[in-house]
């Protein structure tokens, strides 16, 4: 309830302040005439003069009137006129004071409005600062979260690269080992095949030599057995060649 009353008071003060500003701007924009300047000067002098009118002065004046009644009777018209003028001056002074009071009220209104506006400005500034701090804190948390995610992903990526590199190295080592194994296996197979062929050739050569040796032995045996017949046939051939040569010479 108190908050609602305070809010209503603020609204009323700000509304009055707005109206005052409008009037002030209107008065400020209007041209002050010489008559208004003179009026202001008269009001100033009137206030100074009225300031001299005190209750004691007025009472003393009335007492003097009573003591000098005879003279007062003579000067009644003039004194009444003077007092009437004083009364008019007092009324005018009251009016001027009321105007000054109104101006003081306006000053108070401006001060209250300024105080309210300043409070609102400070409240808005405080809220903006709080929002700025919250946004800054949120941004820092988001940046920290993003940085942690990035670092984690970077570590995972580095680990994955290292694991893949290690796996590739192992595969290369295994492939190299397999290659060496296959090379050695192939060389052993070729060596075994070569040794087998060599043994086969040696066996075949041995068999061939055995066959040749056997054939030579058989031929030598045959030649030995037919040596006499061979010599007889050789003699016959030689004789036949000689006879043919002789017949050929005769034919010439």
Protein backbone atom coordinates (compact mmCIF):
# COMPACT_ATOMS: atom_id res chain seq x y z
CA UNK A 1 0.00 0.00 0.00
CA UNK A 2 2.86 2.37 0.91
CA UNK A 3 4.60 1.46 -2.35
CA UNK A 4 1.46 2.25 -4.35
CA UNK A 5 1.15 5.64 -2.56
CA UNK A 6 4.82 6.39 -3.24
CA UNK A 7 4.37 5.42 -6.89
CA UNK A 8 1.30 7.65 -7.14
CA UNK A 9 3.22 10.53 -5.54
CA UNK A 10 6.07 10.06 -8.02
CA UNK A 11 3.66 10.10 -10.93
CA UNK A 12 1.95 13.23 -9.60
CA UNK A 13 5.29 15.00 -9.03
CA UNK A 14 6.55 14.09 -12.49
CA UNK A 15 3.23 15.16 -14.03
CA UNK A 16 3.37 18.52 -12.25
CA UNK A 17 7.03 18.86 -13.24
CA UNK A 18 6.15 18.26 -16.89
CA UNK A 19 3.41 20.90 -16.76
CA UNK A 20 5.80 23.31 -15.08
CA UNK A 21 8.43 22.72 -17.77
CA UNK A 22 5.86 23.43 -20.47
CA UNK A 23 4.86 26.72 -18.83
CA UNK A 24 8.51 27.58 -18.18
CA UNK A 25 9.46 27.03 -21.80
CA UNK A 26 6.47 29.08 -22.91
CA UNK A 27 7.48 31.93 -20.60
CA UNK A 28 11.11 31.59 -21.60
CA UNK A 29 10.25 31.74 -25.29
CA UNK A 30 8.06 34.86 -24.88
CA UNK A 31 9.61 38.36 -25.16
CA UNK A 32 9.74 40.37 -21.91
CA UNK A 33 8.31 43.83 -22.50
CA UNK A 34 9.42 47.08 -20.86
CA UNK A 35 6.16 47.18 -18.90
CA UNK A 36 6.94 43.76 -17.41
CA UNK A 37 10.44 44.93 -16.50
CA UNK A 38 9.00 47.98 -14.76
CA UNK A 39 6.42 45.82 -13.01
CA UNK A 40 9.17 43.55 -11.67
CA UNK A 41 11.13 46.55 -10.41
CA UNK A 42 8.02 47.99 -8.72
CA UNK A 43 7.32 44.65 -7.06
CA UNK A 44 10.87 44.56 -5.75
CA UNK A 45 10.61 48.07 -4.31
CA UNK A 46 7.19 47.25 -2.89
CA UNK A 47 8.56 44.22 -1.08
CA UNK A 48 11.38 46.28 0.38
CA UNK A 49 8.96 48.94 1.53
CA UNK A 50 6.44 46.44 2.89
CA UNK A 51 9.28 44.81 4.77
CA UNK A 52 9.44 47.97 6.88
CA UNK A 53 5.78 47.64 7.87
CA UNK A 54 5.78 45.80 11.14
CA UNK A 55 3.05 45.35 13.68
CA UNK A 56 4.85 47.68 16.12
CA UNK A 57 5.18 50.37 13.50
CA UNK A 58 1.49 50.13 12.70
CA UNK A 59 0.51 50.13 16.40
CA UNK A 60 2.77 53.10 17.09
CA UNK A 61 1.24 54.90 14.18
CA UNK A 62 -2.26 54.20 15.55
CA UNK A 63 -1.17 55.41 19.02
CA UNK A 64 0.20 58.56 17.53
CA UNK A 65 -3.11 59.01 15.79
CA UNK A 66 -4.96 58.66 19.08
CA UNK A 67 -2.65 61.15 20.89
CA UNK A 68 -2.84 63.64 18.10
CA UNK A 69 -6.52 63.12 17.47
CA UNK A 70 -7.06 66.71 16.81
CA UNK A 71 -4.34 66.86 14.26
CA UNK A 72 -5.48 63.53 12.91
CA UNK A 73 -8.93 64.89 12.38
CA UNK A 74 -7.43 67.65 10.37
CA UNK A 75 -5.20 65.31 8.45
CA UNK A 76 -7.71 62.43 8.45
CA UNK A 77 -8.25 62.46 4.78
CA UNK A 78 -4.53 62.46 4.07
CA UNK A 79 -3.75 59.78 6.69
CA UNK A 80 -6.59 57.55 5.56
CA UNK A 81 -5.35 57.89 2.06
CA UNK A 82 -1.85 57.03 3.23
CA UNK A 83 -3.08 54.01 5.23
CA UNK A 84 -5.20 52.94 2.31
CA UNK A 85 -2.13 53.16 0.15
CA UNK A 86 -0.23 51.10 2.74
CA UNK A 87 -3.03 48.54 2.69
CA UNK A 88 -2.86 48.37 -1.07
CA UNK A 89 0.89 48.04 -0.87
CA UNK A 90 0.55 45.26 1.72
CA UNK A 91 -1.98 43.46 -0.47
CA UNK A 92 0.35 43.86 -3.40
CA UNK A 93 3.25 42.63 -1.28
CA UNK A 94 1.17 39.63 -0.20
CA UNK A 95 0.46 38.90 -3.85
CA UNK A 96 4.17 39.16 -4.70
CA UNK A 97 5.03 36.92 -1.73
CA UNK A 98 2.44 34.43 -2.91
CA UNK A 99 4.04 34.51 -6.33
CA UNK A 100 7.43 34.00 -4.73
CA UNK A 101 5.96 31.16 -2.69
CA UNK A 102 4.60 29.68 -5.90
CA UNK A 103 8.05 29.95 -7.42
CA UNK A 104 9.52 28.31 -4.33
CA UNK A 105 6.96 25.54 -4.70
CA UNK A 106 7.98 25.22 -8.32
CA UNK A 107 11.62 25.05 -7.25
CA UNK A 108 10.66 22.36 -4.73
CA UNK A 109 8.76 20.57 -7.48
CA UNK A 110 11.82 20.73 -9.73
CA UNK A 111 14.03 19.49 -6.88
CA UNK A 112 11.64 16.61 -6.10
CA UNK A 113 11.38 15.73 -9.79
CA UNK A 114 15.16 15.90 -10.14
CA UNK A 115 15.54 13.67 -7.07
CA UNK A 116 13.05 11.14 -8.47
CA UNK A 117 14.65 11.21 -11.93
CA UNK A 118 18.07 10.82 -10.37
CA UNK A 119 16.87 7.86 -8.31
CA UNK A 120 15.34 6.30 -11.43
CA UNK A 121 18.56 6.96 -13.35
CA UNK A 122 20.64 5.39 -10.57
CA UNK A 123 18.24 2.42 -10.42
CA UNK A 124 18.41 1.97 -14.19
CA UNK A 125 22.19 2.34 -14.07
CA UNK A 126 22.36 -0.26 -11.30
CA UNK A 127 20.13 -2.64 -13.26
CA UNK A 128 22.13 -2.07 -16.44
CA UNK A 129 25.34 -2.71 -14.50
CA UNK A 130 23.87 -5.89 -13.02
CA UNK A 131 22.69 -7.02 -16.47
CA UNK A 132 26.11 -6.15 -17.90
CA UNK A 133 27.82 -8.12 -15.13
CA UNK A 134 25.47 -11.06 -15.66
CA UNK A 135 26.03 -10.96 -19.41
CA UNK A 136 29.78 -10.69 -18.86
CA UNK A 137 29.70 -13.60 -16.41
CA UNK A 138 27.54 -15.63 -18.80
CA UNK A 139 29.88 -14.81 -21.67
CA UNK A 140 32.92 -15.79 -19.61
CA UNK A 141 31.24 -19.08 -18.64
CA UNK A 142 30.35 -19.73 -22.28
CA UNK A 143 33.91 -18.93 -23.34
CA UNK A 144 35.27 -21.21 -20.60
CA UNK A 145 32.89 -23.97 -21.69
CA UNK A 146 33.85 -23.51 -25.34
CA UNK A 147 37.55 -23.48 -24.42
CA UNK A 148 37.16 -26.69 -22.38
CA UNK A 149 35.30 -28.36 -25.25
CA UNK A 150 37.96 -27.22 -27.70
CA UNK A 151 40.77 -28.45 -25.44
CA UNK A 152 39.01 -31.80 -24.99
CA UNK A 153 38.43 -32.16 -28.72
CA UNK A 154 42.04 -31.13 -29.37
CA UNK A 155 43.31 -33.72 -26.89
CA UNK A 156 41.04 -36.39 -28.38
CA UNK A 157 42.18 -35.44 -31.89
CA UNK A 158 45.86 -35.56 -30.84
CA UNK A 159 45.32 -38.91 -29.11
CA UNK A 160 43.50 -40.27 -32.17
CA UNK A 161 46.29 -39.06 -34.48
CA UNK A 162 48.93 -40.64 -32.23
CA UNK A 163 46.97 -43.91 -32.06
CA UNK A 164 46.49 -43.93 -35.84
CA UNK A 165 50.19 -43.16 -36.35
CA UNK A 166 51.13 -45.95 -33.94
CA UNK A 167 48.73 -48.32 -35.72
CA UNK A 168 50.17 -47.33 -39.11
CA UNK A 169 53.70 -47.90 -37.80
CA UNK A 170 52.69 -51.29 -36.44
CA UNK A 171 51.02 -52.15 -39.75
CA UNK A 172 54.13 -51.04 -41.63
CA UNK A 173 56.33 -53.04 -39.29
CA UNK A 174 54.03 -56.05 -39.72
CA UNK A 175 53.97 -55.57 -43.48
CA UNK A 176 57.77 -55.27 -43.50
CA UNK A 177 58.03 -58.40 -41.35
CA UNK A 178 55.57 -60.20 -43.62
CA UNK A 179 57.50 -59.00 -46.68
CA UNK A 180 60.79 -60.22 -45.22
CA UNK A 181 59.13 -63.50 -44.31
CA UNK A 182 57.70 -63.89 -47.81
CA UNK A 183 61.05 -62.94 -49.36
CA UNK A 184 62.88 -65.43 -47.18
CA UNK A 185 60.23 -68.04 -47.87
CA UNK A 186 60.43 -67.39 -51.62
CA UNK A 187 64.21 -67.46 -51.55
CA UNK A 188 64.14 -70.71 -49.57
CA UNK A 189 61.67 -72.19 -52.06
CA UNK A 190 63.85 -71.04 -54.95
CA UNK A 191 66.93 -72.37 -53.17
CA UNK A 192 65.19 -75.67 -52.46
CA UNK A 193 64.00 -75.83 -56.06
CA UNK A 194 67.50 -75.02 -57.30
CA UNK A 195 69.02 -77.65 -55.03
CA UNK A 196 66.41 -80.17 -56.18
CA UNK A 197 67.11 -79.38 -59.85
CA UNK A 198 70.83 -79.55 -59.16
CA UNK A 199 70.44 -82.95 -57.51
CA UNK A 200 68.20 -84.07 -60.37
CA UNK A 201 70.75 -82.90 -62.93
CA UNK A 202 73.53 -84.57 -60.99
CA UNK A 203 71.50 -87.79 -60.91
CA UNK A 204 70.74 -87.50 -64.63
CA UNK A 205 74.38 -86.68 -65.38
CA UNK A 206 75.47 -89.61 -63.25
CA UNK A 207 73.04 -91.87 -65.06
CA UNK A 208 74.20 -90.46 -68.41
CA UNK A 209 77.83 -91.00 -67.49
CA UNK A 210 77.00 -94.46 -66.32
CA UNK A 211 75.20 -95.12 -69.59
CA UNK A 212 78.08 -93.69 -71.63
CA UNK A 213 80.61 -95.67 -69.67
CA UNK A 214 78.53 -98.76 -70.15
CA UNK A 215 78.19 -98.02 -73.88
CA UNK A 216 81.95 -97.48 -74.22
CA UNK A 217 82.61 -100.68 -72.40
CA UNK A 218 80.15 -102.51 -74.61
CA UNK A 219 81.71 -100.92 -77.72
CA UNK A 220 85.20 -101.78 -76.56
CA UNK A 221 84.03 -105.30 -75.91
CA UNK A 222 82.46 -105.48 -79.37
CA UNK A 223 85.56 -103.96 -80.94
CA UNK A 224 87.73 -106.38 -79.06
CA UNK A 225 85.57 -109.26 -80.12
CA UNK A 226 85.53 -108.16 -83.84
CA UNK A 227 89.06 -106.81 -84.09
CA UNK A 228 90.21 -109.58 -86.47
CA UNK A 229 87.14 -109.24 -88.65
CA UNK A 230 87.62 -105.50 -88.64
CA UNK A 231 91.23 -105.82 -89.79
CA UNK A 232 90.20 -108.24 -92.54
CA UNK A 233 87.47 -105.95 -93.72
CA UNK A 234 89.85 -103.01 -93.54
CA UNK A 235 92.36 -104.85 -95.72
CA UNK A 236 89.67 -105.68 -98.23
CA UNK A 237 88.56 -102.09 -98.32
CA UNK A 238 92.11 -100.88 -98.84
CA UNK A 239 92.62 -103.37 -101.67
CA UNK A 240 89.33 -102.34 -103.25
CA UNK A 241 90.30 -98.67 -103.09
CA UNK A 242 93.67 -99.43 -104.70
CA UNK A 243 92.06 -101.41 -107.49
CA UNK A 244 89.54 -98.68 -108.17
CA UNK A 245 92.33 -96.12 -108.32
CA UNK A 246 94.27 -98.35 -110.75
CA UNK A 247 91.27 -98.80 -113.01
CA UNK A 248 90.65 -95.08 -112.93
CA UNK A 249 94.17 -94.34 -114.02
CA UNK A 250 93.90 -96.83 -116.86
CA UNK A 251 90.70 -95.26 -118.01
CA UNK A 252 92.45 -91.94 -118.48
